[in-house]
């Protein structure tokens, strides 16, 4: 029996603040919401730098807690 993959909602946003341990405050484009986001594992592995003002793609958590930055645009 296969379990269906959960649908992941992605959106774009702009980085407002950078915190320690690769945490960022991101303002989402489609909503006027500021969300605490962390870097995805591949971005940490390849040491991709995120700066304030960068436009990023974010996967939203199902429960609305945090987001995961998956790509810098």
Protein backbone atom coordinates (compact mmCIF):
# COMPACT_ATOMS: atom_id res chain seq x y z
CA UNK A 1 0.00 0.00 0.00
CA UNK A 2 1.38 3.38 -1.02
CA UNK A 3 0.92 6.44 1.13
CA UNK A 4 0.25 9.53 -1.01
CA UNK A 5 2.75 12.36 -0.73
CA UNK A 6 1.53 15.36 1.18
CA UNK A 7 0.89 18.39 -1.00
CA UNK A 8 3.45 21.02 -0.14
CA UNK A 9 2.51 24.65 -0.57
CA UNK A 10 5.33 26.78 -1.95
CA UNK A 11 5.42 30.54 -2.13
CA UNK A 12 7.96 33.32 -2.58
CA UNK A 13 9.08 36.01 -0.19
CA UNK A 14 11.77 38.51 0.71
CA UNK A 15 14.26 38.07 3.56
CA UNK A 16 13.89 40.79 6.19
CA UNK A 17 16.23 39.64 8.98
CA UNK A 18 18.93 37.04 9.52
CA UNK A 19 19.26 35.23 12.86
CA UNK A 20 21.87 32.73 14.15
CA UNK A 21 21.68 29.04 13.15
CA UNK A 22 20.45 29.87 9.62
CA UNK A 23 17.08 31.21 10.71
CA UNK A 24 15.52 34.05 8.72
CA UNK A 25 12.46 36.28 8.96
CA UNK A 26 10.75 36.24 5.56
CA UNK A 27 7.87 38.42 4.37
CA UNK A 28 5.67 36.39 2.03
CA UNK A 29 4.60 37.96 -1.27
CA UNK A 30 1.06 36.66 -1.58
CA UNK A 31 0.16 37.39 2.05
CA UNK A 32 1.25 40.18 4.37
CA UNK A 33 2.72 37.67 6.78
CA UNK A 34 6.19 37.56 8.32
CA UNK A 35 7.30 33.97 8.88
CA UNK A 36 10.31 32.45 10.62
CA UNK A 37 12.12 30.21 8.11
CA UNK A 38 15.15 27.92 8.16
CA UNK A 39 17.45 26.74 5.37
CA UNK A 40 16.84 23.42 3.66
CA UNK A 41 19.50 20.75 4.02
CA UNK A 42 20.80 21.00 0.44
CA UNK A 43 21.30 24.74 0.83
CA UNK A 44 23.33 24.14 4.00
CA UNK A 45 25.28 21.35 2.31
CA UNK A 46 26.28 23.52 -0.66
CA UNK A 47 26.77 26.60 1.56
CA UNK A 48 24.45 28.87 -0.40
CA UNK A 49 24.47 32.30 1.20
CA UNK A 50 21.23 34.15 1.93
CA UNK A 51 21.39 37.90 2.50
CA UNK A 52 18.84 40.46 3.65
CA UNK A 53 16.74 41.55 0.69
CA UNK A 54 17.10 38.29 -1.27
CA UNK A 55 14.01 36.84 -2.90
CA UNK A 56 13.55 33.21 -1.84
CA UNK A 57 11.18 30.30 -2.45
CA UNK A 58 9.66 28.85 0.73
CA UNK A 59 7.76 25.64 1.52
CA UNK A 60 5.17 26.37 4.18
CA UNK A 61 4.68 24.08 7.16
CA UNK A 62 1.30 22.33 7.28
CA UNK A 63 0.62 23.65 10.75
CA UNK A 64 1.75 27.25 10.16
CA UNK A 65 4.80 27.21 12.44
CA UNK A 66 7.86 27.71 10.27
CA UNK A 67 8.85 27.65 6.65
CA UNK A 68 11.79 26.04 4.84
CA UNK A 69 13.82 28.06 2.33
CA UNK A 70 14.48 25.81 -0.65
CA UNK A 71 15.79 28.22 -3.30
CA UNK A 72 17.26 31.68 -3.69
CA UNK A 73 15.98 33.53 -6.74
